[in-house]
PDB file of all heavy atoms in Angstrom:
ATOM      1  N   ASN A   1     -75.593 165.350   2.440  1.00  0.00           N
ATOM      2  CA  ASN A   1     -75.018 166.659   2.140  1.00  0.00           C
ATOM      3  C   ASN A   1     -73.588 166.423   1.686  1.00  0.00           C
ATOM      4  O   ASN A   1     -72.781 165.846   2.421  1.00  0.00           O
ATOM      5  CB  ASN A   1     -75.023 167.567   3.365  1.00  0.00           C
ATOM      6  CG  ASN A   1     -76.420 167.962   3.778  1.00  0.00           C
ATOM      7  OD1 ASN A   1     -77.350 167.966   2.974  1.00  0.00           O
ATOM      8  ND2 ASN A   1     -76.587 168.287   5.045  1.00  0.00           N
ATOM      9  N   VAL A   2     -73.301 166.853   0.472  1.00  0.00           N
ATOM     10  CA  VAL A   2     -71.975 166.674  -0.116  1.00  0.00           C
ATOM     11  C   VAL A   2     -71.281 168.030  -0.110  1.00  0.00           C
ATOM     12  O   VAL A   2     -71.739 168.972  -0.766  1.00  0.00           O
ATOM     13  CB  VAL A   2     -72.085 166.125  -1.559  1.00  0.00           C
ATOM     14  CG1 VAL A   2     -70.706 165.944  -2.163  1.00  0.00           C
ATOM     15  CG2 VAL A   2     -72.884 164.828  -1.587  1.00  0.00           C
ATOM     16  N   HIS A   3     -70.205 168.129   0.633  1.00  0.00           N
ATOM     17  CA  HIS A   3     -69.461 169.385   0.734  1.00  0.00           C
ATOM     18  C   HIS A   3     -68.408 169.433  -0.376  1.00  0.00           C
ATOM     19  O   HIS A   3     -67.664 168.476  -0.588  1.00  0.00           O
ATOM     20  CB  HIS A   3     -68.792 169.494   2.109  1.00  0.00           C
ATOM     21  CG  HIS A   3     -69.789 169.560   3.221  1.00  0.00           C
ATOM     22  ND1 HIS A   3     -70.109 170.731   3.860  1.00  0.00           N
ATOM     23  CD2 HIS A   3     -70.571 168.597   3.785  1.00  0.00           C
ATOM     24  CE1 HIS A   3     -71.030 170.493   4.780  1.00  0.00           C
ATOM     25  NE2 HIS A   3     -71.320 169.204   4.748  1.00  0.00           N
ATOM     26  N   LEU A   4     -68.364 170.559  -1.063  1.00  0.00           N
ATOM     27  CA  LEU A   4     -67.470 170.739  -2.200  1.00  0.00           C
ATOM     28  C   LEU A   4     -67.219 172.219  -2.404  1.00  0.00           C
ATOM     29  O   LEU A   4     -67.825 173.053  -1.742  1.00  0.00           O
ATOM     30  CB  LEU A   4     -68.103 170.143  -3.462  1.00  0.00           C
ATOM     31  CG  LEU A   4     -69.323 170.898  -4.034  1.00  0.00           C
ATOM     32  CD1 LEU A   4     -69.471 170.592  -5.503  1.00  0.00           C
ATOM     33  CD2 LEU A   4     -70.593 170.515  -3.310  1.00  0.00           C
ATOM     34  N   GLU A   5     -66.366 172.515  -3.326  1.00  0.00           N
ATOM     35  CA  GLU A   5     -66.135 173.895  -3.748  1.00  0.00           C
ATOM     36  C   GLU A   5     -66.714 174.024  -5.154  1.00  0.00           C
ATOM     37  O   GLU A   5     -66.204 173.422  -6.089  1.00  0.00           O
ATOM     38  CB  GLU A   5     -64.641 174.231  -3.743  1.00  0.00           C
ATOM     39  CG  GLU A   5     -64.313 175.629  -4.188  1.00  0.00           C
ATOM     40  CD  GLU A   5     -65.056 176.691  -3.390  1.00  0.00           C
ATOM     41  OE1 GLU A   5     -64.904 176.733  -2.161  1.00  0.00           O
ATOM     42  OE2 GLU A   5     -65.804 177.475  -4.022  1.00  0.00           O
ATOM     43  N   SER A   6     -67.776 174.803  -5.295  1.00  0.00           N
ATOM     44  CA  SER A   6     -68.470 174.858  -6.588  1.00  0.00           C
ATOM     45  C   SER A   6     -68.222 176.144  -7.375  1.00  0.00           C
ATOM     46  O   SER A   6     -68.811 176.337  -8.434  1.00  0.00           O
ATOM     47  CB  SER A   6     -69.977 174.666  -6.384  1.00  0.00           C
ATOM     48  OG  SER A   6     -70.528 175.780  -5.715  1.00  0.00           O
ATOM     49  N   SER A   7     -67.335 177.000  -6.900  1.00  0.00           N
ATOM     50  CA  SER A   7     -67.144 178.273  -7.598  1.00  0.00           C
ATOM     51  C   SER A   7     -66.599 178.083  -9.016  1.00  0.00           C
ATOM     52  O   SER A   7     -66.959 178.828  -9.925  1.00  0.00           O
ATOM     53  CB  SER A   7     -66.242 179.211  -6.794  1.00  0.00           C
ATOM     54  OG  SER A   7     -64.971 178.631  -6.603  1.00  0.00           O
ATOM     55  N   ASN A   8     -65.732 177.086  -9.232  1.00  0.00           N
ATOM     56  CA  ASN A   8     -65.230 176.832 -10.589  1.00  0.00           C
ATOM     57  C   ASN A   8     -66.366 176.455 -11.522  1.00  0.00           C
ATOM     58  O   ASN A   8     -66.430 176.911 -12.662  1.00  0.00           O
ATOM     59  CB  ASN A   8     -64.171 175.730 -10.592  1.00  0.00           C
ATOM     60  CG  ASN A   8     -62.868 176.183  -9.981  1.00  0.00           C
ATOM     61  OD1 ASN A   8     -62.623 177.375  -9.833  1.00  0.00           O
ATOM     62  ND2 ASN A   8     -62.040 175.228  -9.612  1.00  0.00           N
ATOM     63  N   ALA A   9     -67.274 175.609 -11.040  1.00  0.00           N
ATOM     64  CA  ALA A   9     -68.410 175.189 -11.861  1.00  0.00           C
ATOM     65  C   ALA A   9     -69.333 176.375 -12.149  1.00  0.00           C
ATOM     66  O   ALA A   9     -69.872 176.504 -13.252  1.00  0.00           O
ATOM     67  CB  ALA A   9     -69.185 174.078 -11.171  1.00  0.00           C
ATOM     68  N   ALA A  10     -69.500 177.234 -11.177  1.00  0.00           N
ATOM     69  CA  ALA A  10     -70.358 178.402 -11.380  1.00  0.00           C
ATOM     70  C   ALA A  10     -69.797 179.304 -12.475  1.00  0.00           C
ATOM     71  O   ALA A  10     -70.544 179.886 -13.259  1.00  0.00           O
ATOM     72  CB  ALA A  10     -70.518 179.171 -10.078  1.00  0.00           C
ATOM     73  N   THR A  11     -68.468 179.398 -12.524  1.00  0.00           N
ATOM     74  CA  THR A  11     -67.824 180.230 -13.531  1.00  0.00           C
ATOM     75  C   THR A  11     -67.814 179.557 -14.904  1.00  0.00           C
ATOM     76  O   THR A  11     -68.141 180.172 -15.915  1.00  0.00           O
ATOM     77  CB  THR A  11     -66.379 180.548 -13.103  1.00  0.00           C
ATOM     78  OG1 THR A  11     -66.417 181.208 -11.838  1.00  0.00           O
ATOM     79  CG2 THR A  11     -65.683 181.432 -14.120  1.00  0.00           C
ATOM     80  N   SER A  12     -67.476 178.267 -14.926  1.00  0.00           N
ATOM     81  CA  SER A  12     -67.337 177.561 -16.204  1.00  0.00           C
ATOM     82  C   SER A  12     -68.669 177.047 -16.751  1.00  0.00           C
ATOM     83  O   SER A  12     -68.785 176.800 -17.943  1.00  0.00           O
ATOM     84  CB  SER A  12     -66.394 176.367 -16.041  1.00  0.00           C
ATOM     85  OG  SER A  12     -67.016 175.353 -15.260  1.00  0.00           O
ATOM     86  N   ASP A  13     -69.641 176.843 -15.875  1.00  0.00           N
ATOM     87  CA  ASP A  13     -70.938 176.258 -16.234  1.00  0.00           C
ATOM     88  C   ASP A  13     -70.758 174.864 -16.820  1.00  0.00           C
ATOM     89  O   ASP A  13     -71.518 174.420 -17.671  1.00  0.00           O
ATOM     90  CB  ASP A  13     -71.701 177.167 -17.205  1.00  0.00           C
ATOM     91  CG  ASP A  13     -73.193 176.832 -17.253  1.00  0.00           C
ATOM     92  OD1 ASP A  13     -73.733 176.350 -16.234  1.00  0.00           O
ATOM     93  OD2 ASP A  13     -73.806 177.033 -18.317  1.00  0.00           O
ATOM     94  N   ALA A  14     -69.741 174.145 -16.313  1.00  0.00           N
ATOM     95  CA  ALA A  14     -69.420 172.816 -16.822  1.00  0.00           C
ATOM     96  C   ALA A  14     -69.616 171.764 -15.734  1.00  0.00           C
ATOM     97  O   ALA A  14     -69.106 171.908 -14.613  1.00  0.00           O
ATOM     98  CB  ALA A  14     -67.982 172.774 -17.322  1.00  0.00           C
ATOM     99  N   LEU A  15     -70.329 170.716 -16.059  1.00  0.00           N
ATOM    100  CA  LEU A  15     -70.567 169.625 -15.124  1.00  0.00           C
ATOM    101  C   LEU A  15     -69.264 168.998 -14.647  1.00  0.00           C
ATOM    102  O   LEU A  15     -69.164 168.566 -13.490  1.00  0.00           O
ATOM    103  CB  LEU A  15     -71.472 168.558 -15.777  1.00  0.00           C
ATOM    104  CG  LEU A  15     -71.872 167.366 -14.922  1.00  0.00           C
ATOM    105  CD1 LEU A  15     -72.627 167.818 -13.670  1.00  0.00           C
ATOM    106  CD2 LEU A  15     -72.720 166.404 -15.736  1.00  0.00           C
ATOM    107  N   ALA A  16     -68.263 168.986 -15.496  1.00  0.00           N
ATOM    108  CA  ALA A  16     -66.972 168.398 -15.134  1.00  0.00           C
ATOM    109  C   ALA A  16     -66.302 169.129 -13.971  1.00  0.00           C
ATOM    110  O   ALA A  16     -65.417 168.574 -13.325  1.00  0.00           O
ATOM    111  CB  ALA A  16     -66.046 168.392 -16.341  1.00  0.00           C
ATOM    112  N   ASP A  17     -66.737 170.356 -13.679  1.00  0.00           N
ATOM    113  CA  ASP A  17     -66.123 171.149 -12.613  1.00  0.00           C
ATOM    114  C   ASP A  17     -66.872 171.065 -11.291  1.00  0.00           C
ATOM    115  O   ASP A  17     -66.610 171.852 -10.375  1.00  0.00           O
ATOM    116  CB  ASP A  17     -66.024 172.613 -13.046  1.00  0.00           C
ATOM    117  CG  ASP A  17     -64.978 172.811 -14.121  1.00  0.00           C
ATOM    118  OD1 ASP A  17     -64.027 171.996 -14.192  1.00  0.00           O
ATOM    119  OD2 ASP A  17     -65.110 173.776 -14.904  1.00  0.00           O
ATOM    120  N   THR A  18     -67.803 170.130 -11.189  1.00  0.00           N
ATOM    121  CA  THR A  18     -68.540 169.972  -9.942  1.00  0.00           C
ATOM    122  C   THR A  18     -68.761 168.496  -9.670  1.00  0.00           C
ATOM    123  O   THR A  18     -68.251 167.633 -10.381  1.00  0.00           O
ATOM    124  CB  THR A  18     -69.891 170.737  -9.985  1.00  0.00           C
ATOM    125  OG1 THR A  18     -70.462 170.740  -8.675  1.00  0.00           O
ATOM    126  CG2 THR A  18     -70.852 170.132 -10.981  1.00  0.00           C
ATOM    127  N   VAL A  19     -69.519 168.195  -8.635  1.00  0.00           N
ATOM    128  CA  VAL A  19     -69.895 166.828  -8.307  1.00  0.00           C
ATOM    129  C   VAL A  19     -71.280 166.592  -8.909  1.00  0.00           C
ATOM    130  O   VAL A  19     -72.209 167.352  -8.647  1.00  0.00           O
ATOM    131  CB  VAL A  19     -69.910 166.613  -6.776  1.00  0.00           C
ATOM    132  CG1 VAL A  19     -70.413 165.225  -6.430  1.00  0.00           C
ATOM    133  CG2 VAL A  19     -68.515 166.848  -6.195  1.00  0.00           C
ATOM    134  N   ASN A  20     -71.397 165.560  -9.700  1.00  0.00           N
ATOM    135  CA  ASN A  20     -72.650 165.239 -10.366  1.00  0.00           C
ATOM    136  C   ASN A  20     -73.617 164.613  -9.351  1.00  0.00           C
ATOM    137  O   ASN A  20     -73.395 163.497  -8.888  1.00  0.00           O
ATOM    138  CB  ASN A  20     -72.377 164.279 -11.527  1.00  0.00           C
ATOM    139  CG  ASN A  20     -73.600 163.979 -12.355  1.00  0.00           C
ATOM    140  OD1 ASN A  20     -74.720 164.040 -11.883  1.00  0.00           O
ATOM    141  ND2 ASN A  20     -73.361 163.613 -13.604  1.00  0.00           N
ATOM    142  N   TYR A  21     -74.684 165.330  -9.022  1.00  0.00           N
ATOM    143  CA  TYR A  21     -75.596 164.827  -7.998  1.00  0.00           C
ATOM    144  C   TYR A  21     -76.356 163.583  -8.442  1.00  0.00           C
ATOM    145  O   TYR A  21     -76.788 162.783  -7.607  1.00  0.00           O
ATOM    146  CB  TYR A  21     -76.548 165.905  -7.485  1.00  0.00           C
ATOM    147  CG  TYR A  21     -77.334 166.660  -8.530  1.00  0.00           C
ATOM    148  CD1 TYR A  21     -78.445 166.100  -9.137  1.00  0.00           C
ATOM    149  CD2 TYR A  21     -76.963 167.950  -8.880  1.00  0.00           C
ATOM    150  CE1 TYR A  21     -79.170 166.809 -10.072  1.00  0.00           C
ATOM    151  CE2 TYR A  21     -77.685 168.660  -9.824  1.00  0.00           C
ATOM    152  CZ  TYR A  21     -78.793 168.084 -10.417  1.00  0.00           C
ATOM    153  OH  TYR A  21     -79.512 168.786 -11.347  1.00  0.00           O
ATOM    154  N   ALA A  22     -76.486 163.362  -9.742  1.00  0.00           N
ATOM    155  CA  ALA A  22     -77.117 162.122 -10.220  1.00  0.00           C
ATOM    156  C   ALA A  22     -76.225 160.919  -9.896  1.00  0.00           C
ATOM    157  O   ALA A  22     -76.730 159.844  -9.536  1.00  0.00           O
ATOM    158  CB  ALA A  22     -77.388 162.202 -11.715  1.00  0.00           C
ATOM    159  N   VAL A  23     -74.929 161.084 -10.007  1.00  0.00           N
ATOM    160  CA  VAL A  23     -73.986 160.021  -9.651  1.00  0.00           C
ATOM    161  C   VAL A  23     -74.066 159.756  -8.152  1.00  0.00           C
ATOM    162  O   VAL A  23     -74.086 158.593  -7.715  1.00  0.00           O
ATOM    163  CB  VAL A  23     -72.547 160.390 -10.082  1.00  0.00           C
ATOM    164  CG1 VAL A  23     -71.534 159.403  -9.517  1.00  0.00           C
ATOM    165  CG2 VAL A  23     -72.456 160.457 -11.604  1.00  0.00           C
ATOM    166  N   VAL A  24     -74.136 160.813  -7.349  1.00  0.00           N
ATOM    167  CA  VAL A  24     -74.268 160.652  -5.900  1.00  0.00           C
ATOM    168  C   VAL A  24     -75.544 159.867  -5.577  1.00  0.00           C
ATOM    169  O   VAL A  24     -75.522 158.914  -4.798  1.00  0.00           O
ATOM    170  CB  VAL A  24     -74.271 162.024  -5.184  1.00  0.00           C
ATOM    171  CG1 VAL A  24     -74.602 161.863  -3.702  1.00  0.00           C
ATOM    172  CG2 VAL A  24     -72.936 162.726  -5.363  1.00  0.00           C
ATOM    173  N   ALA A  25     -76.649 160.246  -6.191  1.00  0.00           N
ATOM    174  CA  ALA A  25     -77.921 159.561  -5.936  1.00  0.00           C
ATOM    175  C   ALA A  25     -77.828 158.082  -6.285  1.00  0.00           C
ATOM    176  O   ALA A  25     -78.314 157.222  -5.539  1.00  0.00           O
ATOM    177  CB  ALA A  25     -79.043 160.231  -6.718  1.00  0.00           C
ATOM    178  N   ASP A  26     -77.194 157.769  -7.411  1.00  0.00           N
ATOM    179  CA  ASP A  26     -77.033 156.366  -7.810  1.00  0.00           C
ATOM    180  C   ASP A  26     -76.178 155.589  -6.808  1.00  0.00           C
ATOM    181  O   ASP A  26     -76.504 154.452  -6.448  1.00  0.00           O
ATOM    182  CB  ASP A  26     -76.403 156.263  -9.201  1.00  0.00           C
ATOM    183  CG  ASP A  26     -77.370 156.614 -10.321  1.00  0.00           C
ATOM    184  OD1 ASP A  26     -78.601 156.602 -10.090  1.00  0.00           O
ATOM    185  OD2 ASP A  26     -76.885 156.910 -11.434  1.00  0.00           O
ATOM    186  N   LEU A  27     -75.091 156.196  -6.352  1.00  0.00           N
ATOM    187  CA  LEU A  27     -74.229 155.534  -5.361  1.00  0.00           C
ATOM    188  C   LEU A  27     -74.994 155.243  -4.079  1.00  0.00           C
ATOM    189  O   LEU A  27     -74.860 154.167  -3.493  1.00  0.00           O
ATOM    190  CB  LEU A  27     -72.998 156.395  -5.056  1.00  0.00           C
ATOM    191  CG  LEU A  27     -71.939 156.494  -6.130  1.00  0.00           C
ATOM    192  CD1 LEU A  27     -70.870 157.519  -5.734  1.00  0.00           C
ATOM    193  CD2 LEU A  27     -71.300 155.142  -6.389  1.00  0.00           C
ATOM    194  N   VAL A  28     -75.771 156.209  -3.629  1.00  0.00           N
ATOM    195  CA  VAL A  28     -76.565 156.030  -2.412  1.00  0.00           C
ATOM    196  C   VAL A  28     -77.573 154.902  -2.612  1.00  0.00           C
ATOM    197  O   VAL A  28     -77.665 153.978  -1.793  1.00  0.00           O
ATOM    198  CB  VAL A  28     -77.279 157.343  -2.022  1.00  0.00           C
ATOM    199  CG1 VAL A  28     -78.298 157.097  -0.908  1.00  0.00           C
ATOM    200  CG2 VAL A  28     -76.266 158.407  -1.609  1.00  0.00           C
ATOM    201  N   HIS A  29     -78.315 154.959  -3.706  1.00  0.00           N
ATOM    202  CA  HIS A  29     -79.358 153.958  -3.958  1.00  0.00           C
ATOM    203  C   HIS A  29     -78.774 152.546  -4.073  1.00  0.00           C
ATOM    204  O   HIS A  29     -79.355 151.587  -3.536  1.00  0.00           O
ATOM    205  CB  HIS A  29     -80.141 154.328  -5.222  1.00  0.00           C
ATOM    206  CG  HIS A  29     -81.352 153.507  -5.407  1.00  0.00           C
ATOM    207  ND1 HIS A  29     -81.426 152.490  -6.333  1.00  0.00           N
ATOM    208  CD2 HIS A  29     -82.547 153.524  -4.752  1.00  0.00           C
ATOM    209  CE1 HIS A  29     -82.618 151.928  -6.256  1.00  0.00           C
ATOM    210  NE2 HIS A  29     -83.312 152.521  -5.316  1.00  0.00           N
ATOM    211  N   GLU A  30     -77.632 152.431  -4.725  1.00  0.00           N
ATOM    212  CA  GLU A  30     -76.979 151.120  -4.848  1.00  0.00           C
ATOM    213  C   GLU A  30     -76.676 150.515  -3.486  1.00  0.00           C
ATOM    214  O   GLU A  30     -76.786 149.301  -3.303  1.00  0.00           O
ATOM    215  CB  GLU A  30     -75.682 151.248  -5.649  1.00  0.00           C
ATOM    216  CG  GLU A  30     -75.883 151.479  -7.129  1.00  0.00           C
ATOM    217  CD  GLU A  30     -74.591 151.864  -7.845  1.00  0.00           C
ATOM    218  OE1 GLU A  30     -73.500 151.827  -7.217  1.00  0.00           O
ATOM    219  OE2 GLU A  30     -74.670 152.215  -9.032  1.00  0.00           O
ATOM    220  N   ARG A  31     -76.302 151.343  -2.536  1.00  0.00           N
ATOM    221  CA  ARG A  31     -75.977 150.833  -1.208  1.00  0.00           C
ATOM    222  C   ARG A  31     -77.226 150.544  -0.381  1.00  0.00           C
ATOM    223  O   ARG A  31     -77.215 149.683   0.474  1.00  0.00           O
ATOM    224  CB  ARG A  31     -75.025 151.784  -0.493  1.00  0.00           C
ATOM    225  CG  ARG A  31     -73.594 151.450  -0.903  1.00  0.00           C
ATOM    226  CD  ARG A  31     -72.756 152.653  -1.254  1.00  0.00           C
ATOM    227  NE  ARG A  31     -71.537 152.215  -1.935  1.00  0.00           N
ATOM    228  CZ  ARG A  31     -71.425 152.148  -3.266  1.00  0.00           C
ATOM    229  NH1 ARG A  31     -72.426 152.470  -4.048  1.00  0.00           N
ATOM    230  NH2 ARG A  31     -70.302 151.744  -3.825  1.00  0.00           N
ATOM    231  N   ILE A  32     -78.313 151.244  -0.656  1.00  0.00           N
ATOM    232  CA  ILE A  32     -79.569 150.937   0.028  1.00  0.00           C
ATOM    233  C   ILE A  32     -80.079 149.566  -0.416  1.00  0.00           C
ATOM    234  O   ILE A  32     -80.474 148.742   0.411  1.00  0.00           O
ATOM    235  CB  ILE A  32     -80.639 152.012  -0.253  1.00  0.00           C
ATOM    236  CG1 ILE A  32     -80.262 153.360   0.370  1.00  0.00           C
ATOM    237  CG2 ILE A  32     -82.008 151.540   0.281  1.00  0.00           C
ATOM    238  CD1 ILE A  32     -81.186 154.497  -0.044  1.00  0.00           C
ATOM    239  N   ILE A  33     -80.088 149.314  -1.706  1.00  0.00           N
ATOM    240  CA  ILE A  33     -80.677 148.075  -2.224  1.00  0.00           C
ATOM    241  C   ILE A  33     -79.667 146.940  -2.341  1.00  0.00           C
ATOM    242  O   ILE A  33     -80.038 145.809  -2.657  1.00  0.00           O
ATOM    243  CB  ILE A  33     -81.371 148.309  -3.583  1.00  0.00           C
ATOM    244  CG1 ILE A  33     -80.360 148.670  -4.670  1.00  0.00           C
ATOM    245  CG2 ILE A  33     -82.465 149.359  -3.464  1.00  0.00           C
ATOM    246  CD1 ILE A  33     -80.935 148.652  -6.077  1.00  0.00           C
ATOM    247  N   GLY A  34     -78.412 147.225  -2.073  1.00  0.00           N
ATOM    248  CA  GLY A  34     -77.338 146.261  -2.288  1.00  0.00           C
ATOM    249  C   GLY A  34     -77.178 145.249  -1.171  1.00  0.00           C
ATOM    250  O   GLY A  34     -78.111 144.926  -0.436  1.00  0.00           O
ATOM    251  N   GLU A  35     -75.971 144.763  -1.043  1.00  0.00           N
ATOM    252  CA  GLU A  35     -75.618 143.709  -0.089  1.00  0.00           C
ATOM    253  C   GLU A  35     -76.105 144.038   1.317  1.00  0.00           C
ATOM    254  O   GLU A  35     -75.782 145.085   1.869  1.00  0.00           O
ATOM    255  CB  GLU A  35     -74.094 143.538  -0.076  1.00  0.00           C
ATOM    256  CG  GLU A  35     -73.604 142.382   0.748  1.00  0.00           C
ATOM    257  CD  GLU A  35     -73.964 141.033   0.150  1.00  0.00           C
ATOM    258  OE1 GLU A  35     -74.073 140.937  -1.089  1.00  0.00           O
ATOM    259  OE2 GLU A  35     -74.143 140.079   0.931  1.00  0.00           O
ATOM    260  N   PRO A  36     -76.903 143.146   1.919  1.00  0.00           N
ATOM    261  CA  PRO A  36     -77.425 143.408   3.267  1.00  0.00           C
ATOM    262  C   PRO A  36     -76.324 143.494   4.321  1.00  0.00           C
ATOM    263  O   PRO A  36     -75.331 142.766   4.266  1.00  0.00           O
ATOM    264  CB  PRO A  36     -78.327 142.206   3.541  1.00  0.00           C
ATOM    265  CG  PRO A  36     -78.677 141.661   2.209  1.00  0.00           C
ATOM    266  CD  PRO A  36     -77.466 141.919   1.340  1.00  0.00           C
ATOM    267  N   VAL A  37     -76.540 144.391   5.261  1.00  0.00           N
ATOM    268  CA  VAL A  37     -75.675 144.524   6.436  1.00  0.00           C
ATOM    269  C   VAL A  37     -76.574 144.558   7.666  1.00  0.00           C
ATOM    270  O   VAL A  37     -77.788 144.737   7.561  1.00  0.00           O
ATOM    271  CB  VAL A  37     -74.791 145.790   6.360  1.00  0.00           C
ATOM    272  CG1 VAL A  37     -73.841 145.720   5.171  1.00  0.00           C
ATOM    273  CG2 VAL A  37     -75.631 147.059   6.300  1.00  0.00           C
ATOM    274  N   ASP A  38     -75.997 144.403   8.828  1.00  0.00           N
ATOM    275  CA  ASP A  38     -76.792 144.376  10.054  1.00  0.00           C
ATOM    276  C   ASP A  38     -77.256 145.762  10.494  1.00  0.00           C
ATOM    277  O   ASP A  38     -78.380 145.934  10.938  1.00  0.00           O
ATOM    278  CB  ASP A  38     -75.995 143.748  11.199  1.00  0.00           C
ATOM    279  CG  ASP A  38     -75.849 142.236  11.059  1.00  0.00           C
ATOM    280  OD1 ASP A  38     -76.577 141.623  10.247  1.00  0.00           O
ATOM    281  OD2 ASP A  38     -74.985 141.678  11.762  1.00  0.00           O
ATOM    282  N   LEU A  39     -76.375 146.756  10.400  1.00  0.00           N
ATOM    283  CA  LEU A  39     -76.608 148.037  11.072  1.00  0.00           C
ATOM    284  C   LEU A  39     -76.736 149.206  10.097  1.00  0.00           C
ATOM    285  O   LEU A  39     -76.036 149.248   9.072  1.00  0.00           O
ATOM    286  CB  LEU A  39     -75.456 148.337  12.032  1.00  0.00           C
ATOM    287  CG  LEU A  39     -75.193 147.291  13.114  1.00  0.00           C
ATOM    288  CD1 LEU A  39     -73.955 147.685  13.915  1.00  0.00           C
ATOM    289  CD2 LEU A  39     -76.405 147.119  14.020  1.00  0.00           C
ATOM    290  N   ILE A  40     -77.562 150.195  10.486  1.00  0.00           N
ATOM    291  CA  ILE A  40     -77.636 151.407   9.677  1.00  0.00           C
ATOM    292  C   ILE A  40     -76.317 152.179   9.753  1.00  0.00           C
ATOM    293  O   ILE A  40     -75.993 152.928   8.841  1.00  0.00           O
ATOM    294  CB  ILE A  40     -78.853 152.299  10.018  1.00  0.00           C
ATOM    295  CG1 ILE A  40     -78.859 152.753  11.469  1.00  0.00           C
ATOM    296  CG2 ILE A  40     -80.140 151.594   9.657  1.00  0.00           C
ATOM    297  CD1 ILE A  40     -79.987 153.732  11.813  1.00  0.00           C
ATOM    298  N   GLU A  41     -75.550 151.962  10.799  1.00  0.00           N
ATOM    299  CA  GLU A  41     -74.225 152.570  10.886  1.00  0.00           C
ATOM    300  C   GLU A  41     -73.346 152.113   9.721  1.00  0.00           C
ATOM    301  O   GLU A  41     -72.596 152.900   9.147  1.00  0.00           O
ATOM    302  CB  GLU A  41     -73.550 152.205  12.215  1.00  0.00           C
ATOM    303  CG  GLU A  41     -74.144 152.887  13.431  1.00  0.00           C
ATOM    304  CD  GLU A  41     -75.363 152.166  14.027  1.00  0.00           C
ATOM    305  OE1 GLU A  41     -75.925 151.248  13.378  1.00  0.00           O
ATOM    306  OE2 GLU A  41     -75.766 152.534  15.135  1.00  0.00           O
ATOM    307  N   THR A  42     -73.457 150.835   9.366  1.00  0.00           N
ATOM    308  CA  THR A  42     -72.667 150.291   8.267  1.00  0.00           C
ATOM    309  C   THR A  42     -73.149 150.830   6.932  1.00  0.00           C
ATOM    310  O   THR A  42     -72.333 151.167   6.059  1.00  0.00           O
ATOM    311  CB  THR A  42     -72.721 148.753   8.284  1.00  0.00           C
ATOM    312  OG1 THR A  42     -72.324 148.288   9.582  1.00  0.00           O
ATOM    313  CG2 THR A  42     -71.794 148.154   7.227  1.00  0.00           C
TER     314      THR A  42
END
């Protein structure tokens, strides 16, 4: 869950005014498949 203020994006209808959820998904996936760590906390 990514907390943000999206009212500007709702008004402008511009991706630049919000957080791109595709970028978030890529960041998450990179860390799942990336460098191994011991703990899910990490």
